[in-house]
Amino acid sequence: MIEASNLAAILGMAAATLACRAGGYFLFRALRPTPFLRAMLGYVPGALFVGYVAPALAAGGIKEWVGAAATLIAVRLSGNIPLGIAVGTLSAWLVWLAR
């Protein structure tokens, strides 16, 4: 059975996520972004991903670095991001198993 505090935390996070997404939707319905702003917003997903991965690499060890390198190589060679992530994850997992 789920505890009330856990349920409250889950519902709170869901409400915050919905508010962020809906807020952006309503904001851009009212305001029309300029081409410059549209171009800038196109870089946000990549910046968020780097902001998520960089601290893990900085604090990580060999398996994190092998996984990141394998991901970059696979994406560069195939042009397929999901494949690159799968290759990187598998590579890091194999390094972890070998230790």
N, C-alpha and C. Protein backbone atom coordinates (compact mmCIF):
# COMPACT_ATOMS: atom_id res chain seq x y z
N MET A 1 0.85 -1.19 0.00
CA MET A 1 0.00 0.00 0.00
C MET A 1 0.89 1.24 0.00
N ILE A 2 0.49 2.23 -0.75
CA ILE A 2 1.29 3.45 -0.86
C ILE A 2 1.02 4.37 0.34
N GLU A 3 2.09 4.95 0.84
CA GLU A 3 1.96 5.87 1.97
C GLU A 3 1.41 7.20 1.49
N ALA A 4 0.70 7.89 2.36
CA ALA A 4 0.08 9.17 2.02
C ALA A 4 1.13 10.21 1.62
N SER A 5 2.28 10.21 2.29
CA SER A 5 3.31 11.21 1.97
C SER A 5 3.90 10.95 0.58
N ASN A 6 4.06 9.67 0.22
CA ASN A 6 4.57 9.34 -1.11
C ASN A 6 3.56 9.73 -2.18
N LEU A 7 2.29 9.45 -1.94
CA LEU A 7 1.25 9.82 -2.89
C LEU A 7 1.18 11.33 -3.05
N ALA A 8 1.29 12.06 -1.95
CA ALA A 8 1.27 13.52 -2.01
C ALA A 8 2.46 14.05 -2.82
N ALA A 9 3.63 13.45 -2.64
CA ALA A 9 4.82 13.87 -3.39
C ALA A 9 4.64 13.59 -4.87
N ILE A 10 4.12 12.43 -5.21
CA ILE A 10 3.90 12.09 -6.63
C ILE A 10 2.89 13.03 -7.26
N LEU A 11 1.78 13.27 -6.58
CA LEU A 11 0.76 14.18 -7.11
C LEU A 11 1.29 15.61 -7.22
N GLY A 12 2.11 16.03 -6.25
CA GLY A 12 2.71 17.37 -6.31
C GLY A 12 3.65 17.52 -7.50
N MET A 13 4.46 16.49 -7.74
CA MET A 13 5.38 16.54 -8.89
C MET A 13 4.60 16.52 -10.21
N ALA A 14 3.53 15.75 -10.25
CA ALA A 14 2.70 15.71 -11.46
C ALA A 14 2.06 17.07 -11.71
N ALA A 15 1.57 17.71 -10.66
CA ALA A 15 0.96 19.03 -10.81
C ALA A 15 1.99 20.07 -11.25
N ALA A 16 3.20 20.00 -10.70
CA ALA A 16 4.25 20.95 -11.09
C ALA A 16 4.64 20.75 -12.55
N THR A 17 4.75 19.50 -12.98
CA THR A 17 5.09 19.21 -14.38
C THR A 17 4.00 19.71 -15.30
N LEU A 18 2.76 19.45 -14.95
CA LEU A 18 1.64 19.91 -15.76
C LEU A 18 1.61 21.44 -15.84
N ALA A 19 1.87 22.10 -14.71
CA ALA A 19 1.87 23.56 -14.69
C ALA A 19 2.96 24.12 -15.61
N CYS A 20 4.13 23.52 -15.58
CA CYS A 20 5.22 23.99 -16.45
C CYS A 20 4.87 23.81 -17.92
N ARG A 21 4.36 22.65 -18.27
CA ARG A 21 4.02 22.39 -19.67
C ARG A 21 2.86 23.25 -20.13
N ALA A 22 1.82 23.31 -19.31
CA ALA A 22 0.65 24.11 -19.68
C ALA A 22 0.99 25.59 -19.72
N GLY A 23 1.84 26.04 -18.79
CA GLY A 23 2.24 27.44 -18.78
C GLY A 23 2.93 27.85 -20.06
N GLY A 24 3.84 27.01 -20.53
CA GLY A 24 4.51 27.29 -21.80
C GLY A 24 3.54 27.29 -22.96
N TYR A 25 2.61 26.35 -22.96
CA TYR A 25 1.62 26.28 -24.03
C TYR A 25 0.77 27.55 -24.06
N PHE A 26 0.26 27.96 -22.90
CA PHE A 26 -0.59 29.16 -22.86
C PHE A 26 0.20 30.43 -23.16
N LEU A 27 1.44 30.48 -22.72
CA LEU A 27 2.28 31.64 -22.99
C LEU A 27 2.49 31.82 -24.49
N PHE A 28 2.81 30.72 -25.17
CA PHE A 28 3.08 30.83 -26.61
C PHE A 28 1.81 30.89 -27.44
N ARG A 29 0.66 30.65 -26.85
CA ARG A 29 -0.59 30.93 -27.56
C ARG A 29 -0.86 32.43 -27.55
N ALA A 30 -0.47 33.09 -26.46
CA ALA A 30 -0.72 34.52 -26.33
C ALA A 30 0.35 35.35 -27.03
N LEU A 31 1.59 34.90 -26.97
CA LEU A 31 2.70 35.61 -27.58
C LEU A 31 3.24 34.81 -28.75
N ARG A 32 3.54 35.48 -29.82
CA ARG A 32 4.14 34.81 -30.97
C ARG A 32 5.65 35.01 -30.91
N PRO A 33 6.40 33.92 -30.71
CA PRO A 33 7.86 34.08 -30.61
C PRO A 33 8.47 34.51 -31.94
N THR A 34 9.49 35.31 -31.83
CA THR A 34 10.20 35.76 -33.02
C THR A 34 11.02 34.60 -33.58
N PRO A 35 11.46 34.70 -34.82
CA PRO A 35 12.32 33.64 -35.36
C PRO A 35 13.58 33.42 -34.52
N PHE A 36 14.14 34.50 -33.98
CA PHE A 36 15.32 34.39 -33.13
C PHE A 36 15.02 33.56 -31.88
N LEU A 37 13.88 33.85 -31.23
CA LEU A 37 13.51 33.11 -30.02
C LEU A 37 13.23 31.65 -30.35
N ARG A 38 12.59 31.39 -31.48
CA ARG A 38 12.36 30.01 -31.90
C ARG A 38 13.69 29.27 -32.10
N ALA A 39 14.64 29.95 -32.71
CA ALA A 39 15.96 29.33 -32.92
C ALA A 39 16.64 29.05 -31.58
N MET A 40 16.55 30.01 -30.66
CA MET A 40 17.16 29.81 -29.34
C MET A 40 16.51 28.64 -28.60
N LEU A 41 15.20 28.55 -28.65
CA LEU A 41 14.50 27.48 -27.95
C LEU A 41 14.80 26.11 -28.56
N GLY A 42 15.23 26.09 -29.80
CA GLY A 42 15.61 24.83 -30.43
C GLY A 42 16.83 24.20 -29.79
N TYR A 43 17.63 24.98 -29.08
CA TYR A 43 18.83 24.46 -28.42
C TYR A 43 18.57 24.00 -26.99
N VAL A 44 17.41 24.27 -26.45
CA VAL A 44 17.13 23.94 -25.05
C VAL A 44 17.22 22.44 -24.76
N PRO A 45 16.63 21.55 -25.57
CA PRO A 45 16.73 20.12 -25.24
C PRO A 45 18.19 19.64 -25.16
N GLY A 46 19.03 20.06 -26.08
CA GLY A 46 20.43 19.65 -26.04
C GLY A 46 21.15 20.19 -24.82
N ALA A 47 20.87 21.43 -24.48
CA ALA A 47 21.50 22.03 -23.30
C ALA A 47 21.06 21.31 -22.02
N LEU A 48 19.79 20.95 -21.95
CA LEU A 48 19.31 20.22 -20.78
C LEU A 48 19.97 18.84 -20.69
N PHE A 49 20.12 18.18 -21.82
CA PHE A 49 20.75 16.87 -21.83
C PHE A 49 22.20 16.96 -21.37
N VAL A 50 22.93 17.95 -21.88
CA VAL A 50 24.32 18.13 -21.46
C VAL A 50 24.39 18.45 -19.97
N GLY A 51 23.46 19.28 -19.49
CA GLY A 51 23.41 19.61 -18.07
C GLY A 51 23.13 18.41 -17.19
N TYR A 52 22.48 17.42 -17.75
CA TYR A 52 22.19 16.19 -17.01
C TYR A 52 23.38 15.22 -17.06
N VAL A 53 24.03 15.13 -18.20
CA VAL A 53 25.09 14.15 -18.40
C VAL A 53 26.43 14.62 -17.83
N ALA A 54 26.75 15.89 -17.97
CA ALA A 54 28.07 16.40 -17.56
C ALA A 54 28.39 16.12 -16.09
N PRO A 55 27.49 16.37 -15.14
CA PRO A 55 27.83 16.06 -13.74
C PRO A 55 28.06 14.56 -13.51
N ALA A 56 27.29 13.72 -14.21
CA ALA A 56 27.49 12.27 -14.05
C ALA A 56 28.86 11.86 -14.57
N LEU A 57 29.29 12.46 -15.68
CA LEU A 57 30.62 12.15 -16.20
C LEU A 57 31.71 12.67 -15.27
N ALA A 58 31.52 13.87 -14.75
CA ALA A 58 32.52 14.45 -13.86
C ALA A 58 32.70 13.62 -12.59
N ALA A 59 31.60 13.06 -12.09
CA ALA A 59 31.67 12.28 -10.86
C ALA A 59 31.88 10.79 -11.14
N GLY A 60 31.76 10.40 -12.40
CA GLY A 60 31.79 8.99 -12.75
C GLY A 60 33.18 8.43 -12.92
N GLY A 61 33.17 7.16 -13.19
CA GLY A 61 34.42 6.44 -13.40
C GLY A 61 34.53 5.95 -14.82
N ILE A 62 35.24 4.84 -14.97
CA ILE A 62 35.53 4.32 -16.30
C ILE A 62 34.26 3.89 -17.03
N LYS A 63 33.30 3.29 -16.33
CA LYS A 63 32.10 2.82 -17.05
C LYS A 63 31.30 3.98 -17.62
N GLU A 64 31.23 5.10 -16.91
CA GLU A 64 30.52 6.26 -17.44
C GLU A 64 31.22 6.83 -18.67
N TRP A 65 32.54 6.90 -18.61
CA TRP A 65 33.29 7.45 -19.74
C TRP A 65 33.25 6.51 -20.95
N VAL A 66 33.32 5.22 -20.71
CA VAL A 66 33.21 4.25 -21.83
C VAL A 66 31.82 4.35 -22.45
N GLY A 67 30.80 4.42 -21.61
CA GLY A 67 29.43 4.54 -22.12
C GLY A 67 29.22 5.81 -22.92
N ALA A 68 29.76 6.93 -22.43
CA ALA A 68 29.62 8.20 -23.15
C ALA A 68 30.36 8.15 -24.48
N ALA A 69 31.58 7.61 -24.47
CA ALA A 69 32.35 7.52 -25.72
C ALA A 69 31.66 6.61 -26.72
N ALA A 70 31.14 5.48 -26.26
CA ALA A 70 30.44 4.56 -27.16
C ALA A 70 29.19 5.21 -27.73
N THR A 71 28.48 5.97 -26.90
CA THR A 71 27.29 6.68 -27.37
C THR A 71 27.65 7.67 -28.47
N LEU A 72 28.67 8.48 -28.22
CA LEU A 72 29.08 9.48 -29.22
C LEU A 72 29.52 8.83 -30.53
N ILE A 73 30.28 7.76 -30.44
CA ILE A 73 30.75 7.09 -31.65
C ILE A 73 29.58 6.48 -32.41
N ALA A 74 28.69 5.81 -31.69
CA ALA A 74 27.54 5.18 -32.36
C ALA A 74 26.63 6.20 -33.02
N VAL A 75 26.38 7.32 -32.34
CA VAL A 75 25.53 8.35 -32.94
C VAL A 75 26.22 8.97 -34.14
N ARG A 76 27.49 9.21 -34.02
CA ARG A 76 28.24 9.82 -35.13
C ARG A 76 28.25 8.92 -36.37
N LEU A 77 28.42 7.61 -36.15
CA LEU A 77 28.48 6.68 -37.27
C LEU A 77 27.11 6.37 -37.87
N SER A 78 26.09 6.29 -37.01
CA SER A 78 24.77 5.88 -37.50
C SER A 78 23.79 7.04 -37.69
N GLY A 79 24.01 8.13 -36.97
CA GLY A 79 23.06 9.23 -37.02
C GLY A 79 21.77 8.93 -36.26
N ASN A 80 21.76 7.85 -35.50
CA ASN A 80 20.57 7.38 -34.80
C ASN A 80 20.79 7.55 -33.29
N ILE A 81 20.12 8.52 -32.68
CA ILE A 81 20.32 8.81 -31.27
C ILE A 81 19.85 7.67 -30.36
N PRO A 82 18.65 7.12 -30.57
CA PRO A 82 18.26 6.00 -29.69
C PRO A 82 19.22 4.81 -29.78
N LEU A 83 19.71 4.52 -30.97
CA LEU A 83 20.70 3.45 -31.10
C LEU A 83 21.96 3.79 -30.33
N GLY A 84 22.41 5.03 -30.42
CA GLY A 84 23.60 5.45 -29.69
C GLY A 84 23.44 5.31 -28.19
N ILE A 85 22.26 5.67 -27.68
CA ILE A 85 22.01 5.54 -26.25
C ILE A 85 22.02 4.06 -25.85
N ALA A 86 21.43 3.22 -26.68
CA ALA A 86 21.42 1.78 -26.39
C ALA A 86 22.85 1.22 -26.39
N VAL A 87 23.66 1.60 -27.37
CA VAL A 87 25.04 1.14 -27.45
C VAL A 87 25.83 1.63 -26.24
N GLY A 88 25.66 2.90 -25.87
CA GLY A 88 26.37 3.44 -24.71
C GLY A 88 25.98 2.75 -23.41
N THR A 89 24.68 2.50 -23.26
CA THR A 89 24.20 1.82 -22.06
C THR A 89 24.76 0.39 -21.99
N LEU A 90 24.71 -0.30 -23.11
CA LEU A 90 25.24 -1.66 -23.16
C LEU A 90 26.75 -1.67 -22.87
N SER A 91 27.47 -0.71 -23.42
CA SER A 91 28.91 -0.63 -23.19
C SER A 91 29.22 -0.40 -21.72
N ALA A 92 28.52 0.54 -21.10
CA ALA A 92 28.74 0.81 -19.68
C ALA A 92 28.38 -0.41 -18.85
N TRP A 93 27.33 -1.11 -19.24
CA TRP A 93 26.91 -2.31 -18.52
C TRP A 93 27.96 -3.41 -18.63
N LEU A 94 28.54 -3.56 -19.82
CA LEU A 94 29.59 -4.57 -20.01
C LEU A 94 30.83 -4.25 -19.18
N VAL A 95 31.20 -2.98 -19.10
CA VAL A 95 32.35 -2.59 -18.27
C VAL A 95 32.03 -2.89 -16.80
N TRP A 96 30.81 -2.61 -16.40
CA TRP A 96 30.40 -2.87 -15.02
C TRP A 96 30.45 -4.37 -14.72
N LEU A 97 30.01 -5.21 -15.66
CA LEU A 97 30.05 -6.67 -15.47
C LEU A 97 31.48 -7.20 -15.41
N ALA A 98 32.37 -6.60 -16.19
CA ALA A 98 33.76 -7.07 -16.25
C ALA A 98 34.53 -6.76 -14.97
N ARG A 99 34.06 -5.83 -14.18
CA ARG A 99 34.80 -5.45 -12.96
C ARG A 99 34.54 -6.38 -11.87
